[in-house]
Amino acid sequence: MSHKFHIHPEIEKAETLPASFYRSDQIFEALKEKVFLKTWQFLCNAEEIQNPNEVLPINVLDKYLGESLILSNDASSKLHCFSNVCTHRANLILSERAKTKELVCGYHGRRFGLDGKFEFMPEFKQAQNFPRPCDDLHTFPLIKWGPMLFAGFDEKFDFQSIIETMKARVGFLPIDDFVFDASRSKDYRVNAHWALYCDNFLEGFHIPFVHHDLNKALDYGNYATHIYDNCNLQIGYADSDANTFDLPTDHPDYGKNVASYYYWVFPNMMFNFYPWGLSVNIVKPISKELTKLSFLSYVWDETKIEGSAGEFLDRVEKEDEDVVESVHQGIKSHFYKAGRFSPIREQGVHHFHLLLSKFMTREE
């Protein structure tokens, strides 16, 4: 089966990805190399690694990619991110959080610094042209934004520019003061393909039909979508200024009643900003039939939660689960091939499908 898809760049003429995209095991596997290993992923909350000489193993998208990384905070409190796979015989070096000044592989004693650099290997005196740069642990670019840490599998994917795009509208918020709230964070399991969940997130078209309480909090008629290189934004407006952002006078939306900024970052991260803080949603593929969702809440003004567009997160999620699972069953029909996009309401879905077709087609 071909892994190449063509999505017409003009939404008025375009068809959606074919049903075969969601049904194919081969495509689901190909997405690892073509998409997920070419982009960035959320790692953890920055508060999880704050002490010098601390190391933390992280398994990124463990049921799908299963890529094991190490986050380290060296003696000078500088953060590093590198592979947890020893460059000698591929043993996993670290299995749990530790306090240490160096990393030693438990298989044959190869030693690395907390920057991932090779330091020592017993019984290798006769080895020629050793060590080489490839004997260092593979390092990954790392970005801290507010209370969150992200790592990149491909430096060519400019994640910092995406953050700057988000800052253009939410930069006035004190994101460094946002505090992770475990009580408002939760994981969900959805019996559907991960991309169908993203499809659903990327349009407000379904809000009046699926989310009745959310629809009351938003002005659906003015709901807007903005497209950027590898991310897009949906803006939820309210009928009144109650439970909306207090925007500065130089803000591009000053004078408007903005209740929420819904950012999506290719391929699987959502950043939902509300007057009370931020809900980060990470879409984690498990199989083509099952997806795990991690909802992470960061609060800076708890008094603004009640009555806001983000008050109904759990209820809205359950409503989304129901409709996405229904679509997942429908996509298996022998008589459904592809759909069309609403030029007014589905710009975000069209953008997602364009990016998927681009990444799946791109030659290495």
Protein backbone atom coordinates (compact mmCIF):
# COMPACT_ATOMS: atom_id res chain seq x y z
CA MET A 1 0.00 0.00 0.00
CA SER A 2 1.29 3.46 -0.88
CA HIS A 3 2.04 5.77 2.02
CA LYS A 4 1.71 8.84 -0.18
CA PHE A 5 -1.43 10.95 -0.13
CA HIS A 6 -2.37 14.09 -1.98
CA ILE A 7 -4.45 16.78 -0.29
CA HIS A 8 -5.34 19.68 -2.55
CA PRO A 9 -3.89 22.90 -1.07
CA GLU A 10 -7.13 24.77 -1.79
CA ILE A 11 -9.67 23.74 0.81
CA GLU A 12 -12.56 24.49 -1.53
CA LYS A 13 -11.33 21.71 -3.85
CA ALA A 14 -9.80 19.30 -1.36
CA GLU A 15 -10.89 15.89 -0.14
CA THR A 16 -9.97 14.53 3.27
CA LEU A 17 -7.47 11.76 3.85
CA PRO A 18 -8.95 8.49 2.60
CA ALA A 19 -10.41 5.95 5.01
CA SER A 20 -7.47 3.67 4.22
CA PHE A 21 -5.16 6.07 6.08
CA TYR A 22 -6.90 5.27 9.38
CA ARG A 23 -7.42 1.56 8.67
CA SER A 24 -3.91 0.54 7.62
CA ASP A 25 -1.45 -1.12 10.02
CA GLN A 26 1.39 -0.31 7.63
CA ILE A 27 0.55 3.41 7.60
CA PHE A 28 0.19 3.45 11.38
CA GLU A 29 3.72 2.06 11.65
CA ALA A 30 5.12 4.34 8.93
CA LEU A 31 3.90 7.39 10.86
CA LYS A 32 6.54 6.69 13.51
CA GLU A 33 9.45 7.36 11.17
CA LYS A 34 7.75 9.82 8.85
CA VAL A 35 5.98 12.03 11.41
CA PHE A 36 6.69 11.42 15.08
CA LEU A 37 10.48 11.03 14.75
CA LYS A 38 10.56 14.24 12.68
CA THR A 39 8.89 16.47 15.27
CA TRP A 40 8.91 17.34 19.01
CA GLN A 41 7.27 15.83 22.06
CA PHE A 42 6.33 16.90 25.57
CA LEU A 43 8.66 15.32 28.15
CA CYS A 44 7.53 16.25 31.63
CA ASN A 45 6.95 19.09 34.07
CA ALA A 46 10.11 21.08 34.76
CA GLU A 47 9.55 20.69 38.51
CA GLU A 48 10.28 16.98 38.15
CA ILE A 49 14.00 17.62 37.66
CA GLN A 50 15.20 20.63 39.64
CA ASN A 51 18.14 19.38 41.71
CA PRO A 52 21.81 19.34 40.59
CA ASN A 53 23.28 15.90 39.76
CA GLU A 54 19.80 14.48 39.19
CA VAL A 55 18.88 12.15 36.32
CA LEU A 56 15.44 11.00 35.19
CA PRO A 57 14.54 8.35 32.57
CA ILE A 58 11.58 9.14 30.31
CA ASN A 59 9.95 6.78 27.83
CA VAL A 60 8.46 8.97 25.09
CA LEU A 61 5.14 7.69 23.74
CA ASP A 62 6.02 4.38 25.39
CA LYS A 63 3.24 2.33 23.79
CA TYR A 64 4.12 3.59 20.31
CA LEU A 65 7.62 5.01 19.86
CA GLY A 66 9.03 3.54 23.06
CA GLU A 67 12.04 5.86 22.76
CA SER A 68 13.90 5.92 26.08
CA LEU A 69 15.59 9.22 26.98
CA ILE A 70 17.43 10.62 29.99
CA LEU A 71 16.90 14.09 31.39
CA SER A 72 19.83 15.26 33.47
CA ASN A 73 20.50 18.28 35.64
CA ASP A 74 24.27 18.56 35.93
CA ALA A 75 26.36 20.02 38.76
CA SER A 76 25.92 23.53 37.37
CA SER A 77 22.11 23.04 37.10
CA LYS A 78 22.22 22.87 33.31
CA LEU A 79 19.61 20.59 31.77
CA HIS A 80 20.51 17.99 29.14
CA CYS A 81 18.53 15.43 27.18
CA PHE A 82 20.09 12.37 25.58
CA SER A 83 19.44 8.74 24.71
CA ASN A 84 19.13 6.16 27.48
CA VAL A 85 20.68 3.54 25.19
CA CYS A 86 24.35 2.67 25.80
CA THR A 87 26.51 3.15 22.71
CA HIS A 88 28.31 -0.16 23.35
CA ARG A 89 25.64 -2.88 23.21
CA ALA A 90 22.35 -0.92 23.45
CA ASN A 91 21.65 -1.69 27.10
CA LEU A 92 19.26 0.75 28.83
CA ILE A 93 21.44 2.70 31.23
CA LEU A 94 18.93 4.15 33.65
CA SER A 95 15.76 2.54 35.02
CA GLU A 96 14.73 5.04 37.70
CA ARG A 97 15.37 8.54 38.99
CA ALA A 98 18.81 8.87 40.60
CA LYS A 99 21.22 11.28 42.22
CA THR A 100 24.64 10.81 40.65
CA LYS A 101 27.66 12.57 39.18
CA GLU A 102 28.01 10.14 36.28
CA LEU A 103 26.13 7.43 34.41
CA VAL A 104 27.51 3.89 34.35
CA CYS A 105 26.03 1.19 32.14
CA GLY A 106 25.26 -1.87 34.25
CA TYR A 107 26.11 -4.28 31.41
CA HIS A 108 29.83 -3.66 30.78
CA GLY A 109 30.65 -0.54 32.78
CA ARG A 110 30.76 2.10 30.05
CA ARG A 111 30.69 5.52 31.74
CA PHE A 112 29.17 8.82 30.62
CA GLY A 113 29.00 12.34 32.04
CA LEU A 114 25.72 14.06 32.86
CA ASP A 115 26.04 15.82 29.50
CA GLY A 116 25.90 12.43 27.73
CA LYS A 117 29.59 12.51 26.73
CA PHE A 118 31.60 9.28 26.78
CA GLU A 119 34.12 9.17 29.64
CA PHE A 120 35.50 5.65 30.12
CA MET A 121 35.20 2.02 29.00
CA PRO A 122 37.03 -0.91 30.63
CA GLU A 123 38.92 -3.49 28.51
CA PHE A 124 39.08 -1.23 25.45
CA LYS A 125 42.77 -0.20 25.48
CA GLN A 126 43.51 -2.15 22.31
CA ALA A 127 40.51 -0.73 20.39
CA GLN A 128 41.69 1.45 17.51
CA ASN A 129 40.15 4.81 16.66
CA PHE A 130 38.33 4.82 19.98
CA PRO A 131 36.47 6.68 21.35
CA ARG A 132 34.70 8.38 18.46
CA PRO A 133 31.91 11.00 18.56
CA CYS A 134 29.38 8.20 18.05
CA ASP A 135 30.42 6.76 21.43
CA ASP A 136 28.75 9.73 23.10
CA LEU A 137 25.08 9.27 23.88
CA HIS A 138 22.82 10.73 21.19
CA THR A 139 21.64 14.14 22.36
CA PHE A 140 18.29 15.80 21.70
CA PRO A 141 17.47 19.53 21.61
CA LEU A 142 15.60 20.57 24.73
CA ILE A 143 13.32 23.56 25.32
CA LYS A 144 11.78 24.73 28.57
CA TRP A 145 8.65 26.86 28.26
CA GLY A 146 7.13 27.95 31.54
CA PRO A 147 6.60 24.81 33.65
CA MET A 148 7.04 22.41 30.70
CA LEU A 149 9.94 20.59 29.02
CA PHE A 150 10.00 19.46 25.38
CA ALA A 151 12.51 17.46 23.33
CA GLY A 152 13.02 17.32 19.58
CA PHE A 153 13.72 14.21 17.54
CA ASP A 154 14.59 16.37 14.53
CA GLU A 155 16.27 19.76 14.87
CA LYS A 156 14.93 20.84 11.46
CA PHE A 157 11.46 21.06 13.01
CA ASP A 158 11.56 24.57 14.49
CA PHE A 159 9.69 24.19 17.76
CA GLN A 160 10.94 27.50 19.16
CA SER A 161 9.24 29.38 16.31
CA ILE A 162 5.98 27.64 17.25
CA ILE A 163 6.35 28.84 20.83
CA GLU A 164 6.98 32.36 19.52
CA THR A 165 3.81 32.09 17.42
CA MET A 166 1.84 31.19 20.54
CA LYS A 167 3.49 33.98 22.52
CA ALA A 168 2.19 36.50 19.99
CA ARG A 169 -1.23 36.05 21.59
CA VAL A 170 -0.60 34.48 25.01
CA GLY A 171 2.75 36.05 25.82
CA PHE A 172 1.07 38.51 28.18
CA LEU A 173 0.18 35.61 30.50
CA PRO A 174 2.68 34.87 33.32
CA ILE A 175 3.38 31.32 32.14
CA ASP A 176 6.39 31.00 34.46
CA ASP A 177 3.90 31.33 37.33
CA PHE A 178 1.63 28.56 36.06
CA VAL A 179 1.54 25.65 38.51
CA PHE A 180 0.84 22.05 37.58
CA ASP A 181 -2.37 20.84 39.23
CA ALA A 182 -2.45 17.05 39.48
CA SER A 183 -6.02 17.09 40.80
CA ARG A 184 -7.26 18.66 37.55
CA SER A 185 -5.08 16.44 35.32
CA LYS A 186 -6.21 13.11 33.98
CA ASP A 187 -5.59 10.38 31.41
CA TYR A 188 -8.27 9.03 29.08
CA ARG A 189 -8.39 6.07 26.71
CA VAL A 190 -10.26 6.45 23.44
CA ASN A 191 -11.09 3.49 21.22
CA ALA A 192 -10.11 5.27 18.03
CA HIS A 193 -7.20 6.20 15.77
CA TRP A 194 -5.12 9.05 17.21
CA ALA A 195 -5.48 11.18 14.05
CA LEU A 196 -9.28 11.05 14.29
CA TYR A 197 -9.01 12.62 17.72
CA CYS A 198 -6.89 15.42 16.25
CA ASP A 199 -9.37 15.82 13.38
CA ASN A 200 -12.11 16.40 15.92
CA PHE A 201 -10.09 18.90 17.97
CA LEU A 202 -9.20 20.93 14.91
CA GLU A 203 -12.67 22.20 14.11
CA GLY A 204 -15.34 24.01 16.05
CA PHE A 205 -17.94 22.85 13.55
CA HIS A 206 -19.22 20.15 15.92
CA ILE A 207 -19.53 22.36 19.02
CA PRO A 208 -23.26 23.25 18.68
CA PHE A 209 -24.12 19.61 17.98
CA VAL A 210 -21.89 17.83 20.50
CA HIS A 211 -20.94 20.28 23.29
CA HIS A 212 -24.10 22.03 24.48
CA ASP A 213 -22.60 23.51 27.67
CA LEU A 214 -19.45 24.66 25.91
CA ASN A 215 -21.59 26.17 23.17
CA LYS A 216 -23.30 28.35 25.79
CA ALA A 217 -19.91 29.67 26.93
CA LEU A 218 -18.73 30.46 23.38
CA ASP A 219 -19.99 32.69 20.58
CA TYR A 220 -20.03 30.06 17.84
CA GLY A 221 -20.82 32.56 15.09
CA ASN A 222 -17.48 34.33 15.62
CA TYR A 223 -15.38 31.21 16.19
CA ALA A 224 -12.15 31.70 14.20
CA THR A 225 -9.22 29.59 12.94
CA HIS A 226 -5.73 30.88 12.08
CA ILE A 227 -3.19 28.74 10.19
CA TYR A 228 0.61 28.83 10.74
CA ASP A 229 3.49 26.66 9.50
CA ASN A 230 3.31 23.66 11.84
CA CYS A 231 0.56 24.77 14.18
CA ASN A 232 -2.81 26.45 14.10
CA LEU A 233 -5.08 28.38 16.42
CA GLN A 234 -8.78 28.35 17.11
CA ILE A 235 -10.14 31.35 19.02
CA GLY A 236 -13.24 30.94 21.13
CA TYR A 237 -15.10 34.21 21.65
CA ALA A 238 -17.78 34.85 24.28
CA ASP A 239 -21.00 36.84 24.08
CA SER A 240 -19.97 39.01 27.03
CA ASP A 241 -16.76 39.98 28.78
CA ALA A 242 -17.45 37.69 31.73
CA ASN A 243 -14.84 34.92 32.07
CA THR A 244 -12.68 36.27 29.26
CA PHE A 245 -9.07 37.39 29.04
CA ASP A 246 -8.06 40.84 30.26
CA LEU A 247 -6.07 41.66 27.14
CA PRO A 248 -3.42 44.42 27.06
CA THR A 249 -4.04 47.38 24.78
CA ASP A 250 -1.33 46.31 22.28
CA HIS A 251 -2.79 42.83 21.92
CA PRO A 252 -4.02 41.82 18.42
CA ASP A 253 -7.40 40.86 19.92
CA TYR A 254 -7.79 43.86 22.22
CA GLY A 255 -11.42 44.91 22.50
CA LYS A 256 -12.72 41.38 21.80
CA ASN A 257 -14.23 38.98 24.31
CA VAL A 258 -11.82 36.08 24.02
CA ALA A 259 -12.72 33.11 26.21
CA SER A 260 -10.06 30.66 24.98
CA TYR A 261 -7.09 30.18 22.68
CA TYR A 262 -6.87 26.62 21.35
CA TYR A 263 -3.44 25.95 19.84
CA TRP A 264 -2.62 22.70 18.08
CA VAL A 265 1.00 21.72 17.32
CA PHE A 266 1.76 19.08 14.71
CA PRO A 267 1.35 16.23 15.13
CA ASN A 268 -0.23 15.53 18.54
CA MET A 269 -0.10 18.38 21.07
CA MET A 270 -2.79 20.87 22.08
CA PHE A 271 -2.27 23.98 24.24
CA ASN A 272 -5.60 25.34 25.45
CA PHE A 273 -5.26 28.70 27.17
CA TYR A 274 -8.03 30.02 29.40
CA PRO A 275 -8.20 33.04 31.73
CA TRP A 276 -7.39 30.67 34.62
CA GLY A 277 -4.39 28.98 32.99
CA LEU A 278 -3.56 26.20 30.54
CA SER A 279 -4.71 22.69 29.66
CA VAL A 280 -2.13 20.75 27.65
CA ASN A 281 -3.46 17.70 25.80
CA ILE A 282 -1.02 15.06 24.56
CA VAL A 283 -2.45 12.55 22.07
CA LYS A 284 -0.57 9.25 22.46
CA PRO A 285 -1.07 6.50 19.89
CA ILE A 286 -1.19 2.95 21.26
CA SER A 287 -2.61 1.08 18.28
CA LYS A 288 -4.65 2.15 15.29
CA GLU A 289 -7.68 1.19 17.40
CA LEU A 290 -6.65 2.81 20.71
CA THR A 291 -5.34 6.19 21.85
CA LYS A 292 -4.31 7.49 25.25
CA LEU A 293 -4.90 11.16 26.06
CA SER A 294 -3.05 12.99 28.80
CA PHE A 295 -4.74 16.17 30.01
CA LEU A 296 -2.32 18.30 32.04
CA SER A 297 -3.66 21.35 33.87
CA TYR A 298 -1.55 24.37 34.83
CA VAL A 299 -3.36 26.93 36.98
CA TRP A 300 -2.42 30.51 37.81
CA ASP A 301 -5.81 32.00 38.83
CA GLU A 302 -8.19 29.41 40.27
CA THR A 303 -10.89 32.03 40.85
CA LYS A 304 -11.44 32.29 37.09
CA ILE A 305 -12.21 28.62 36.47
CA GLU A 306 -15.91 28.63 37.31
CA GLY A 307 -18.01 29.71 34.35
CA SER A 308 -15.08 29.72 31.91
CA ALA A 309 -14.84 27.77 28.65
CA GLY A 310 -12.40 25.45 30.42
CA GLU A 311 -14.74 24.61 33.28
CA PHE A 312 -16.22 21.60 31.50
CA LEU A 313 -12.98 19.85 30.46
CA ASP A 314 -13.96 16.39 31.68
CA ARG A 315 -17.50 16.58 30.28
CA VAL A 316 -16.32 17.93 26.93
CA GLU A 317 -13.73 15.17 26.73
CA LYS A 318 -16.35 12.46 27.27
CA GLU A 319 -18.50 14.03 24.56
CA ASP A 320 -15.52 14.11 22.20
CA GLU A 321 -14.71 10.48 22.99
CA ASP A 322 -18.21 9.38 22.04
CA VAL A 323 -18.21 11.11 18.66
CA VAL A 324 -14.61 10.16 17.79
CA GLU A 325 -15.27 6.51 18.61
CA SER A 326 -18.39 6.66 16.44
CA VAL A 327 -16.34 8.05 13.54
CA HIS A 328 -13.71 5.36 14.08
CA GLN A 329 -16.38 2.71 13.58
CA GLY A 330 -17.80 4.52 10.57
CA ILE A 331 -14.39 4.83 8.90
CA LYS A 332 -14.34 1.01 8.60
CA SER A 333 -17.28 1.03 6.21
CA HIS A 334 -16.57 -0.50 2.81
CA PHE A 335 -18.64 2.28 1.27
CA TYR A 336 -16.90 5.33 2.81
CA LYS A 337 -13.86 6.56 0.88
CA ALA A 338 -13.24 10.22 1.81
CA GLY A 339 -15.12 13.40 2.65
CA ARG A 340 -14.94 17.10 1.85
CA PHE A 341 -13.96 20.05 4.04
CA SER A 342 -16.17 22.93 5.08
CA PRO A 343 -14.17 25.94 3.80
CA ILE A 344 -15.59 28.03 6.65
CA ARG A 345 -15.28 25.64 9.59
CA GLU A 346 -12.65 23.01 8.82
CA GLN A 347 -9.50 24.93 7.93
CA GLY A 348 -7.66 23.30 10.85
CA VAL A 349 -8.49 19.76 9.73
CA HIS A 350 -7.44 20.61 6.17
CA HIS A 351 -4.15 21.99 7.51
CA PHE A 352 -3.53 18.78 9.52
CA HIS A 353 -4.19 16.58 6.50
CA LEU A 354 -1.91 18.74 4.34
CA LEU A 355 0.92 18.33 6.88
CA LEU A 356 0.38 14.58 7.18
CA SER A 357 0.48 14.18 3.39
CA LYS A 358 3.60 16.36 3.20
CA PHE A 359 5.50 14.45 5.89
CA MET A 360 4.42 11.05 4.59
CA THR A 361 5.53 11.95 1.06
CA ARG A 362 8.81 13.63 1.95
CA GLU A 363 11.92 11.72 0.97
CA GLU A 364 14.63 11.17 3.60
